[in-house]
Structure formats: structure tokens, C-alpha cells
Amino acid sequence: MDGIAIKGRITPDHKVEGEAPADMPPGEIDILLIPRSSNGAGNPKLIAAFIGKLAAAGIKGRTKEQIDRDLEIERASWE
């Protein structure tokens, strides 16, 4: 199943609340939190801090070469 976006909220006790579609199977998921407020949106310092947290958690982005390869494979599947 592809990823989906849902609306949710963070409670005062720092729990994440939201409702998944009925056709989504139970199980573990990954959550990416994107605040709706514009406070700090596009702020280079916040973005750098976020990228630093991803790196500290061992989450690595793809290299340009990996992205190019993936795009090549995807485009080849269209033919």
C-alpha cells in the first residue's frame, strides 16, 4: 500500500491522534509530523536541525545516483 496523508493533532500529553482509512490494515506505521502553523516554515535553521535529527536516527536520504537510477527504472516501466 502506498503512503497516505491524514489530518491529526498532538494532544497536551504529546500523543498523536488521527484516523486511518477503513481499508488500511492494522500494523506499525512511520509518522512524519508537519506542523500546520507557518511558524518557522522554510526556516533554514529548523530545516538543518530536522535533517540533523534524521541523520542521528540513522535515516539516510538517497544519493543523486540512486534517485536517477530509480527514475530510470520507473520510466522504463512506462514503455
N, C-alpha and C. Protein backbone atom coordinates (compact mmCIF):
# COMPACT_ATOMS: atom_id res chain seq x y z
N MET A 1 0.85 -1.17 0.00
CA MET A 1 0.00 0.00 0.00
C MET A 1 0.89 1.24 0.00
N ASP A 2 0.50 2.22 -0.77
CA ASP A 2 1.23 3.48 -0.81
C ASP A 2 0.93 4.29 0.43
N GLY A 3 1.79 5.24 0.71
CA GLY A 3 1.56 6.13 1.84
C GLY A 3 0.37 7.03 1.59
N ILE A 4 -0.23 7.51 2.64
CA ILE A 4 -1.35 8.43 2.55
C ILE A 4 -1.12 9.57 3.52
N ALA A 5 -1.85 10.65 3.34
CA ALA A 5 -1.78 11.78 4.26
C ALA A 5 -3.12 11.89 4.97
N ILE A 6 -3.07 12.05 6.27
CA ILE A 6 -4.28 12.27 7.05
C ILE A 6 -4.05 13.48 7.94
N LYS A 7 -5.13 14.04 8.43
CA LYS A 7 -5.02 15.16 9.37
C LYS A 7 -5.09 14.59 10.78
N GLY A 8 -4.37 15.18 11.68
CA GLY A 8 -4.36 14.72 13.05
C GLY A 8 -4.01 15.86 13.97
N ARG A 9 -3.76 15.49 15.21
CA ARG A 9 -3.37 16.53 16.17
C ARG A 9 -2.49 15.91 17.24
N ILE A 10 -1.74 16.76 17.91
CA ILE A 10 -0.93 16.34 19.05
C ILE A 10 -1.66 16.80 20.30
N THR A 11 -1.90 15.88 21.21
CA THR A 11 -2.62 16.19 22.44
C THR A 11 -1.68 16.85 23.45
N PRO A 12 -2.23 17.45 24.50
CA PRO A 12 -1.38 18.09 25.52
C PRO A 12 -0.37 17.13 26.16
N ASP A 13 -0.69 15.82 26.16
CA ASP A 13 0.26 14.85 26.73
C ASP A 13 1.16 14.25 25.65
N HIS A 14 1.25 14.94 24.51
CA HIS A 14 2.17 14.63 23.42
C HIS A 14 1.86 13.31 22.70
N LYS A 15 0.60 12.92 22.67
CA LYS A 15 0.17 11.76 21.89
C LYS A 15 -0.29 12.27 20.53
N VAL A 16 -0.13 11.44 19.52
CA VAL A 16 -0.57 11.79 18.18
C VAL A 16 -1.92 11.13 17.94
N GLU A 17 -2.90 11.91 17.52
CA GLU A 17 -4.23 11.38 17.24
C GLU A 17 -4.56 11.59 15.77
N GLY A 18 -5.23 10.62 15.20
CA GLY A 18 -5.67 10.70 13.83
C GLY A 18 -6.48 9.46 13.52
N GLU A 19 -7.14 9.45 12.38
CA GLU A 19 -7.94 8.29 12.00
C GLU A 19 -7.51 7.82 10.62
N ALA A 20 -7.14 6.55 10.54
CA ALA A 20 -6.71 5.96 9.28
C ALA A 20 -7.94 5.52 8.49
N PRO A 21 -7.82 5.46 7.16
CA PRO A 21 -8.93 4.97 6.34
C PRO A 21 -9.28 3.53 6.71
N ALA A 22 -10.53 3.16 6.51
CA ALA A 22 -11.02 1.83 6.87
C ALA A 22 -10.29 0.71 6.13
N ASP A 23 -9.80 0.99 4.92
CA ASP A 23 -9.15 -0.07 4.14
C ASP A 23 -7.67 -0.23 4.48
N MET A 24 -7.16 0.55 5.41
CA MET A 24 -5.75 0.42 5.79
C MET A 24 -5.62 -0.69 6.83
N PRO A 25 -4.74 -1.66 6.59
CA PRO A 25 -4.61 -2.78 7.52
C PRO A 25 -3.94 -2.36 8.83
N PRO A 26 -4.27 -3.03 9.93
CA PRO A 26 -3.61 -2.74 11.20
C PRO A 26 -2.12 -3.07 11.13
N GLY A 27 -1.34 -2.42 11.92
CA GLY A 27 0.10 -2.68 11.99
C GLY A 27 0.87 -1.41 12.28
N GLU A 28 2.18 -1.56 12.34
CA GLU A 28 3.05 -0.42 12.62
C GLU A 28 3.14 0.48 11.39
N ILE A 29 3.33 1.77 11.64
CA ILE A 29 3.47 2.75 10.58
C ILE A 29 4.61 3.70 10.94
N ASP A 30 5.08 4.44 9.95
CA ASP A 30 6.02 5.53 10.19
C ASP A 30 5.23 6.82 10.11
N ILE A 31 5.55 7.76 10.97
CA ILE A 31 4.82 9.02 11.02
C ILE A 31 5.78 10.17 10.79
N LEU A 32 5.42 11.07 9.89
CA LEU A 32 6.17 12.29 9.63
C LEU A 32 5.26 13.44 10.06
N LEU A 33 5.65 14.20 11.05
CA LEU A 33 4.84 15.29 11.56
C LEU A 33 5.21 16.59 10.85
N ILE A 34 4.20 17.24 10.29
CA ILE A 34 4.39 18.53 9.63
C ILE A 34 3.43 19.52 10.26
N PRO A 35 3.92 20.42 11.10
CA PRO A 35 3.03 21.38 11.75
C PRO A 35 2.31 22.24 10.71
N ARG A 36 1.07 22.55 10.98
CA ARG A 36 0.28 23.38 10.06
C ARG A 36 0.60 24.85 10.20
N SER A 37 1.07 25.29 11.36
CA SER A 37 1.35 26.71 11.53
C SER A 37 2.53 27.09 10.64
N SER A 38 2.56 28.33 10.27
CA SER A 38 3.65 28.79 9.40
C SER A 38 4.87 29.20 10.20
N ASN A 39 4.81 29.03 11.53
CA ASN A 39 5.96 29.41 12.36
C ASN A 39 7.18 28.61 11.95
N GLY A 40 8.17 29.26 11.39
CA GLY A 40 9.40 28.58 11.03
C GLY A 40 9.37 27.89 9.69
N ALA A 41 8.24 27.94 8.99
CA ALA A 41 8.19 27.27 7.69
C ALA A 41 9.25 27.86 6.77
N GLY A 42 10.07 27.03 6.22
CA GLY A 42 11.13 27.48 5.34
C GLY A 42 12.33 28.05 6.08
N ASN A 43 12.35 27.92 7.38
CA ASN A 43 13.45 28.44 8.18
C ASN A 43 14.66 27.52 8.03
N PRO A 44 15.75 28.00 7.44
CA PRO A 44 16.92 27.14 7.21
C PRO A 44 17.46 26.49 8.47
N LYS A 45 17.42 27.19 9.60
CA LYS A 45 17.93 26.61 10.85
C LYS A 45 17.08 25.43 11.29
N LEU A 46 15.74 25.56 11.18
CA LEU A 46 14.86 24.46 11.56
C LEU A 46 15.01 23.28 10.60
N ILE A 47 15.17 23.58 9.33
CA ILE A 47 15.35 22.52 8.34
C ILE A 47 16.66 21.77 8.62
N ALA A 48 17.73 22.51 8.88
CA ALA A 48 19.02 21.88 9.19
C ALA A 48 18.93 21.04 10.45
N ALA A 49 18.21 21.53 11.47
CA ALA A 49 18.04 20.77 12.71
C ALA A 49 17.27 19.49 12.44
N PHE A 50 16.23 19.57 11.60
CA PHE A 50 15.44 18.39 11.25
C PHE A 50 16.30 17.36 10.52
N ILE A 51 17.09 17.80 9.57
CA ILE A 51 17.97 16.90 8.82
C ILE A 51 18.99 16.28 9.77
N GLY A 52 19.48 17.05 10.72
CA GLY A 52 20.41 16.52 11.72
C GLY A 52 19.77 15.44 12.57
N LYS A 53 18.50 15.62 12.93
CA LYS A 53 17.78 14.61 13.71
C LYS A 53 17.59 13.34 12.90
N LEU A 54 17.29 13.48 11.61
CA LEU A 54 17.16 12.31 10.75
C LEU A 54 18.48 11.54 10.70
N ALA A 55 19.56 12.25 10.52
CA ALA A 55 20.88 11.61 10.45
C ALA A 55 21.21 10.92 11.77
N ALA A 56 20.91 11.58 12.88
CA ALA A 56 21.20 11.00 14.20
C ALA A 56 20.39 9.73 14.43
N ALA A 57 19.21 9.67 13.81
CA ALA A 57 18.35 8.49 13.95
C ALA A 57 18.73 7.40 12.95
N GLY A 58 19.75 7.68 12.12
CA GLY A 58 20.19 6.67 11.15
C GLY A 58 19.37 6.65 9.88
N ILE A 59 18.53 7.67 9.67
CA ILE A 59 17.71 7.74 8.47
C ILE A 59 18.51 8.48 7.41
N LYS A 60 18.80 7.77 6.33
CA LYS A 60 19.62 8.35 5.27
C LYS A 60 18.78 8.62 4.03
N GLY A 61 19.05 9.72 3.39
CA GLY A 61 18.39 10.03 2.13
C GLY A 61 19.08 9.30 0.99
N ARG A 62 18.45 9.33 -0.18
CA ARG A 62 19.05 8.70 -1.35
C ARG A 62 20.04 9.66 -2.00
N THR A 63 21.05 9.09 -2.63
CA THR A 63 22.01 9.91 -3.37
C THR A 63 21.39 10.29 -4.71
N LYS A 64 22.00 11.26 -5.38
CA LYS A 64 21.55 11.66 -6.71
C LYS A 64 21.56 10.46 -7.65
N GLU A 65 22.60 9.65 -7.53
CA GLU A 65 22.72 8.48 -8.40
C GLU A 65 21.59 7.48 -8.14
N GLN A 66 21.23 7.28 -6.87
CA GLN A 66 20.13 6.37 -6.54
C GLN A 66 18.80 6.91 -7.08
N ILE A 67 18.60 8.20 -6.94
CA ILE A 67 17.37 8.79 -7.46
C ILE A 67 17.32 8.67 -8.97
N ASP A 68 18.42 8.98 -9.65
CA ASP A 68 18.46 8.85 -11.11
C ASP A 68 18.18 7.42 -11.55
N ARG A 69 18.76 6.43 -10.84
CA ARG A 69 18.53 5.04 -11.17
C ARG A 69 17.06 4.66 -10.98
N ASP A 70 16.49 5.09 -9.88
CA ASP A 70 15.08 4.80 -9.62
C ASP A 70 14.17 5.43 -10.67
N LEU A 71 14.48 6.66 -11.07
CA LEU A 71 13.70 7.31 -12.11
C LEU A 71 13.84 6.56 -13.45
N GLU A 72 15.02 6.12 -13.75
CA GLU A 72 15.26 5.37 -14.99
C GLU A 72 14.44 4.08 -15.00
N ILE A 73 14.44 3.38 -13.89
CA ILE A 73 13.65 2.14 -13.78
C ILE A 73 12.17 2.44 -13.93
N GLU A 74 11.71 3.48 -13.26
CA GLU A 74 10.29 3.85 -13.35
C GLU A 74 9.90 4.21 -14.76
N ARG A 75 10.70 5.03 -15.41
CA ARG A 75 10.39 5.46 -16.78
C ARG A 75 10.42 4.27 -17.75
N ALA A 76 11.34 3.35 -17.54
CA ALA A 76 11.40 2.16 -18.40
C ALA A 76 10.14 1.32 -18.26
N SER A 77 9.52 1.34 -17.09
CA SER A 77 8.30 0.55 -16.89
C SER A 77 7.10 1.14 -17.64
N TRP A 78 7.21 2.37 -18.09
CA TRP A 78 6.11 3.00 -18.82
C TRP A 78 6.03 2.52 -20.25
N GLU A 79 7.14 1.99 -20.75
CA GLU A 79 7.20 1.60 -22.18
C GLU A 79 6.58 0.25 -22.41
